[in-house]
Amino acid sequence: MDFSMDETGQQKAFRLDVRAWVTAHVPEFKGRRDSEENYQLLRKLGRQLGARGWLYPTAPVEYGGSGMSA
């Protein structure tokens, strides 16, 4: 049985965009993962992802998502 799924052009573009963004913006964690510094970094990254509509990409744009199909 072949369960592979071909990605659409939109999905591929999204995947490549996310990968490039993560490479450019997410540093390697150092020290304790539960440190205040890392906590603040994760909050900052979460706000940035939310601003791009990436926290819930399938949610409608008017609700903060990207409006992508599942």
Protein backbone atom coordinates (compact mmCIF):
# COMPACT_ATOMS: atom_id res chain seq x y z
CA MET A 1 0.00 0.00 0.00
CA ASP A 2 1.23 3.44 -0.87
CA PHE A 3 0.38 5.99 1.81
CA SER A 4 2.59 8.73 0.43
CA MET A 5 1.03 12.11 -0.12
CA ASP A 6 2.20 14.52 -2.77
CA GLU A 7 2.47 18.04 -1.44
CA THR A 8 0.88 20.89 -3.31
CA GLY A 9 2.83 23.90 -4.49
CA GLN A 10 1.32 25.90 -1.62
CA GLN A 11 2.40 23.28 0.91
CA LYS A 12 5.92 23.12 -0.47
CA ALA A 13 6.24 26.91 -0.44
CA PHE A 14 4.97 26.99 3.15
CA ARG A 15 7.41 24.26 4.23
CA LEU A 16 10.37 26.02 2.63
CA ASP A 17 9.32 29.40 4.07
CA VAL A 18 9.02 27.97 7.59
CA ARG A 19 12.35 26.17 7.29
CA ALA A 20 14.15 29.33 6.15
CA TRP A 21 12.54 31.38 8.93
CA VAL A 22 13.43 28.86 11.64
CA THR A 23 17.02 28.66 10.40
CA ALA A 24 17.32 32.45 10.50
CA HIS A 25 15.49 33.15 13.78
CA VAL A 26 15.69 30.19 16.15
CA PRO A 27 19.01 29.91 17.97
CA GLU A 28 20.34 26.74 19.51
CA PHE A 29 19.12 26.45 23.09
CA LYS A 30 21.87 26.75 25.67
CA GLY A 31 21.78 26.08 29.36
CA ARG A 32 18.61 24.97 31.08
CA ARG A 33 15.63 24.69 28.80
CA ASP A 34 13.40 25.87 31.63
CA SER A 35 15.45 29.02 32.29
CA GLU A 36 13.81 32.45 32.29
CA GLU A 37 15.94 33.43 29.28
CA ASN A 38 14.71 30.50 27.21
CA TYR A 39 11.14 31.06 28.40
CA GLN A 40 11.26 34.66 27.17
CA LEU A 41 12.81 33.52 23.87
CA LEU A 42 9.99 31.02 23.34
CA ARG A 43 7.38 33.70 24.07
CA LYS A 44 9.07 36.03 21.56
CA LEU A 45 9.20 33.30 18.92
CA GLY A 46 5.55 32.46 19.59
CA ARG A 47 4.53 36.09 19.03
CA GLN A 48 6.52 36.19 15.78
CA LEU A 49 4.97 32.94 14.56
CA GLY A 50 1.53 34.21 15.48
CA ALA A 51 2.10 37.46 13.58
CA ARG A 52 2.86 35.37 10.49
CA GLY A 53 -0.27 33.25 10.98
CA TRP A 54 1.82 30.14 11.51
CA LEU A 55 0.58 29.04 14.94
CA TYR A 56 -2.68 27.83 13.38
CA PRO A 57 -2.05 27.85 9.62
CA THR A 58 -5.39 26.23 8.80
CA ALA A 59 -7.40 28.77 10.80
CA PRO A 60 -9.10 31.54 8.83
CA VAL A 61 -7.07 34.73 8.38
CA GLU A 62 -9.66 36.74 10.32
CA TYR A 63 -8.92 34.54 13.35
CA GLY A 64 -5.13 34.88 13.09
CA GLY A 65 -4.39 31.87 10.90
CA SER A 66 -3.03 31.61 7.38
CA GLY A 67 -6.24 30.30 5.83
CA MET A 68 -4.46 27.24 4.42
CA SER A 69 -6.25 23.99 3.67
CA ALA A 70 -5.46 20.91 5.73
